[in-house]
């Protein structure tokens, strides 16, 4: 079914390119939720064929923050703990480095909680309890986590990251802490933040952490 989706999508992309050429209008379709990829594209509009690191990449097209960039010639690293989705990424996004791994700030054994909705798998036990109220838990398995910094350096990636995207269902801050931001210096960081109170922005641990690393909160 996913391959059928991809084939249908190819036709849509070709149609959009044809309309762009005929009309001279530059417009895009969004693949992510809810239009985050278009916001990313706008914020990084001066970057041509950049490099991304997508942690919790999930499906290579559907709900992806980076597929629109892939179509524009960007390349990067997709990391997810779902083995089937990484296999799919290897088939569809062959120019990317696709890695099946669980990322954490410490290297140790964790339990992976996998639900009937493959967008919400997690290694965070508290998040799994919350998700269990909405989705059916289908499996649990043990994994040994790695830091994001170790994964990147072991694959020869040391800096020049234009986009770091993190979406790992409740373990996002832990992943963020597993990379030295001052060393890798991603131009833009997009990270899922649960329960963010916009009236008390700087009480949020992720916002505070980013500010300490010389990043400015955008939205």
Protein backbone atom coordinates (compact mmCIF):
# COMPACT_ATOMS: atom_id res chain seq x y z
CA UNK A 1 0.00 0.00 0.00
CA UNK A 2 2.86 2.38 0.79
CA UNK A 3 4.41 1.70 -2.63
CA UNK A 4 1.08 2.46 -4.24
CA UNK A 5 1.01 5.74 -2.32
CA UNK A 6 4.50 6.52 -3.61
CA UNK A 7 3.55 5.77 -7.22
CA UNK A 8 0.47 8.00 -6.96
CA UNK A 9 2.62 10.69 -5.41
CA UNK A 10 5.03 10.54 -8.35
CA UNK A 11 2.17 11.51 -10.65
CA UNK A 12 1.24 14.43 -8.36
CA UNK A 13 4.83 15.68 -8.31
CA UNK A 14 5.09 15.50 -12.10
CA UNK A 15 1.77 17.37 -12.42
CA UNK A 16 2.95 20.12 -10.05
CA UNK A 17 6.22 20.51 -11.96
CA UNK A 18 4.29 20.80 -15.23
CA UNK A 19 1.93 23.45 -13.78
CA UNK A 20 4.91 25.40 -12.38
CA UNK A 21 6.55 25.38 -15.80
CA UNK A 22 3.38 26.49 -17.60
CA UNK A 23 2.32 29.18 -15.13
CA UNK A 24 5.65 30.36 -13.75
CA UNK A 25 4.18 30.06 -10.25
CA UNK A 26 6.33 28.50 -7.53
CA UNK A 27 4.09 26.49 -5.19
CA UNK A 28 4.48 23.32 -3.15
CA UNK A 29 2.48 20.57 -1.51
CA UNK A 30 3.11 19.68 2.14
CA UNK A 31 3.95 16.17 3.31
CA UNK A 32 4.32 16.82 7.05
CA UNK A 33 1.95 17.62 9.93
CA UNK A 34 0.68 20.36 9.87
CA UNK A 35 2.64 22.03 7.07
CA UNK A 36 5.84 22.10 9.12
CA UNK A 37 7.93 21.23 6.07
CA UNK A 38 6.75 24.39 4.29
CA UNK A 39 7.75 26.47 7.33
CA UNK A 40 11.17 24.77 7.33
CA UNK A 41 11.55 25.43 3.62
CA UNK A 42 10.75 29.11 4.16
CA UNK A 43 13.15 29.52 7.10
CA UNK A 44 15.96 27.83 5.14
CA UNK A 45 15.10 29.34 1.76
CA UNK A 46 18.68 30.55 1.23
CA UNK A 47 20.08 27.02 1.64
CA UNK A 48 20.38 25.14 -1.63
CA UNK A 49 20.71 21.35 -1.55
CA UNK A 50 21.42 21.31 2.18
CA UNK A 51 21.91 18.51 4.71
CA UNK A 52 19.39 17.28 7.29
CA UNK A 53 19.35 14.86 10.22
CA UNK A 54 15.86 13.48 10.84
CA UNK A 55 15.53 11.58 14.14
CA UNK A 56 12.22 9.73 14.41
CA UNK A 57 11.92 9.98 10.64
CA UNK A 58 9.09 7.41 10.47
CA UNK A 59 7.62 7.06 6.96
CA UNK A 60 9.93 8.33 4.17
CA UNK A 61 7.12 10.40 2.61
CA UNK A 62 3.95 10.49 4.68
CA UNK A 63 4.16 13.02 7.59
CA UNK A 64 7.85 13.60 6.79
CA UNK A 65 9.49 16.91 7.66
CA UNK A 66 12.28 16.27 5.16
CA UNK A 67 10.79 14.66 2.04
CA UNK A 68 10.01 18.01 0.43
CA UNK A 69 13.69 18.90 0.89
CA UNK A 70 14.74 15.54 -0.58
CA UNK A 71 12.77 16.38 -3.72
CA UNK A 72 14.65 19.69 -3.90
CA UNK A 73 18.01 17.91 -3.93
CA UNK A 74 18.78 17.95 -0.20
CA UNK A 75 20.32 14.82 1.32
CA UNK A 76 20.80 13.59 4.86
CA UNK A 77 20.35 10.97 7.56
CA UNK A 78 17.05 9.38 8.57
CA UNK A 79 17.01 7.57 11.92
CA UNK A 80 14.11 5.54 13.27
CA UNK A 81 13.69 2.54 15.56
CA UNK A 82 11.00 0.97 13.34
CA UNK A 83 12.81 -1.60 11.19
CA UNK A 84 10.07 -1.83 8.55
CA UNK A 85 9.98 1.94 8.01
CA UNK A 86 13.76 2.11 7.67
CA UNK A 87 13.59 -0.66 5.04
CA UNK A 88 10.97 1.40 3.24
CA UNK A 89 13.19 4.49 3.44
CA UNK A 90 16.05 2.49 1.96
CA UNK A 91 13.82 1.66 -1.01
CA UNK A 92 12.36 5.13 -1.57
CA UNK A 93 15.09 7.51 -0.36
CA UNK A 94 18.14 5.69 -1.67
CA UNK A 95 20.33 8.79 -1.73
CA UNK A 96 19.89 9.25 2.05
CA UNK A 97 21.61 7.35 4.83
CA UNK A 98 18.84 5.39 6.58
CA UNK A 99 19.66 4.01 10.03
CA UNK A 100 17.59 1.79 12.31
CA UNK A 101 18.51 2.88 15.84
CA UNK A 102 17.06 4.05 19.13
CA UNK A 103 18.60 7.35 20.24
CA UNK A 104 19.14 8.47 23.82
CA UNK A 105 21.53 10.59 25.85
CA UNK A 106 22.82 7.40 27.51
CA UNK A 107 23.80 4.06 26.01
CA UNK A 108 21.84 1.32 27.72
CA UNK A 109 19.02 -1.14 27.19
CA UNK A 110 15.51 0.25 26.79
CA UNK A 111 12.13 -1.25 25.95
CA UNK A 112 10.60 -0.20 22.63
CA UNK A 113 6.82 0.15 22.78
CA UNK A 114 5.26 -0.32 19.34
CA UNK A 115 1.61 0.52 18.71
CA UNK A 116 -0.84 -0.19 15.90
CA UNK A 117 -0.14 3.35 14.71
CA UNK A 118 3.50 3.26 13.60
CA UNK A 119 3.93 7.03 14.05
CA UNK A 120 3.89 6.74 17.84
CA UNK A 121 6.46 4.05 18.74
CA UNK A 122 8.58 5.15 21.71
CA UNK A 123 11.22 4.12 24.24
CA UNK A 124 9.82 6.52 26.84
CA UNK A 125 7.80 4.50 29.38
CA UNK A 126 5.65 7.43 30.58
CA UNK A 127 4.81 8.43 27.01
CA UNK A 128 3.91 4.80 26.26
CA UNK A 129 1.40 4.83 29.13
CA UNK A 130 -0.25 7.95 27.71
CA UNK A 131 -0.28 6.58 24.16
CA UNK A 132 -1.82 3.30 25.38
CA UNK A 133 -5.05 5.23 26.08
CA UNK A 134 -5.37 6.06 22.37
CA UNK A 135 -3.66 3.18 20.56
CA UNK A 136 -3.25 -0.57 20.90
CA UNK A 137 0.16 -1.80 22.04
CA UNK A 138 1.19 -4.55 19.63
CA UNK A 139 4.73 -5.40 20.73
CA UNK A 140 7.56 -4.70 23.15
CA UNK A 141 11.22 -5.44 22.46
CA UNK A 142 14.57 -4.61 23.97
CA UNK A 143 17.06 -2.31 22.22
CA UNK A 144 20.37 -0.78 23.15
CA UNK A 145 20.37 2.95 22.59
CA UNK A 146 23.10 5.10 21.08
CA UNK A 147 23.74 8.81 21.36
CA UNK A 148 23.01 10.90 18.30
CA UNK A 149 26.54 12.27 18.43
CA UNK A 150 28.03 8.76 18.27
CA UNK A 151 25.79 7.76 15.36
CA UNK A 152 26.73 10.85 13.36
CA UNK A 153 30.46 10.73 14.04
CA UNK A 154 30.65 6.99 13.30
CA UNK A 155 29.18 7.76 9.87
CA UNK A 156 31.63 10.57 9.16
CA UNK A 157 29.22 13.44 9.89
CA UNK A 158 30.90 16.12 11.98
CA UNK A 159 29.17 19.43 11.18
CA UNK A 160 27.45 21.39 8.39
CA UNK A 161 23.97 20.26 9.44
CA UNK A 162 21.37 22.65 8.06
CA UNK A 163 18.33 21.02 9.70
CA UNK A 164 18.00 18.83 12.78
CA UNK A 165 14.47 17.42 13.13
CA UNK A 166 13.53 15.43 16.25
CA UNK A 167 10.18 13.69 16.79
CA UNK A 168 10.40 10.66 19.08
CA UNK A 169 7.19 10.69 21.11
CA UNK A 170 8.15 12.08 24.49
CA UNK A 171 11.89 11.27 24.46
CA UNK A 172 12.69 14.34 22.35
CA UNK A 173 14.64 16.28 24.98
CA UNK A 174 16.71 13.20 25.75
CA UNK A 175 17.67 12.92 22.07
CA UNK A 176 18.46 16.64 21.94
CA UNK A 177 20.86 16.29 24.87
CA UNK A 178 22.71 13.47 23.09
CA UNK A 179 24.33 15.85 20.59
CA UNK A 180 26.70 18.77 21.15
CA UNK A 181 24.83 21.62 19.45
CA UNK A 182 27.77 24.00 19.71
CA UNK A 183 29.94 21.48 17.86
CA UNK A 184 27.50 20.39 15.14
CA UNK A 185 25.79 23.81 14.88
CA UNK A 186 22.59 22.93 12.98
CA UNK A 187 21.13 26.09 11.44
CA UNK A 188 17.57 25.12 12.39
CA UNK A 189 16.27 22.69 15.01
CA UNK A 190 12.70 21.41 14.80
CA UNK A 191 11.64 19.41 17.85
CA UNK A 192 8.34 18.09 19.16
CA UNK A 193 7.44 19.59 22.54
CA UNK A 194 4.62 18.11 24.58
CA UNK A 195 2.47 20.38 26.77
CA UNK A 196 4.11 23.66 25.76
CA UNK A 197 2.49 26.66 27.48
CA UNK A 198 2.96 29.69 25.22
CA UNK A 199 2.28 32.00 28.17
CA UNK A 200 5.24 30.50 30.05
CA UNK A 201 7.63 29.72 27.21
CA UNK A 202 10.85 29.97 29.16
CA UNK A 203 9.66 27.59 31.86
CA UNK A 204 9.95 24.83 29.27
CA UNK A 205 13.12 22.73 29.60
CA UNK A 206 13.67 22.43 25.85
CA UNK A 207 13.25 26.18 25.24
CA UNK A 208 15.67 26.95 28.07
CA UNK A 209 18.20 24.40 26.82
CA UNK A 210 18.10 25.84 23.30
CA UNK A 211 18.54 29.39 24.62
CA UNK A 212 21.64 28.30 26.55
CA UNK A 213 23.03 26.96 23.28
CA UNK A 214 22.54 30.33 21.53
CA UNK A 215 19.32 29.45 19.67
CA UNK A 216 16.35 31.80 19.29
CA UNK A 217 12.81 30.46 19.71
CA UNK A 218 10.81 30.91 16.51
CA UNK A 219 7.45 29.19 17.02
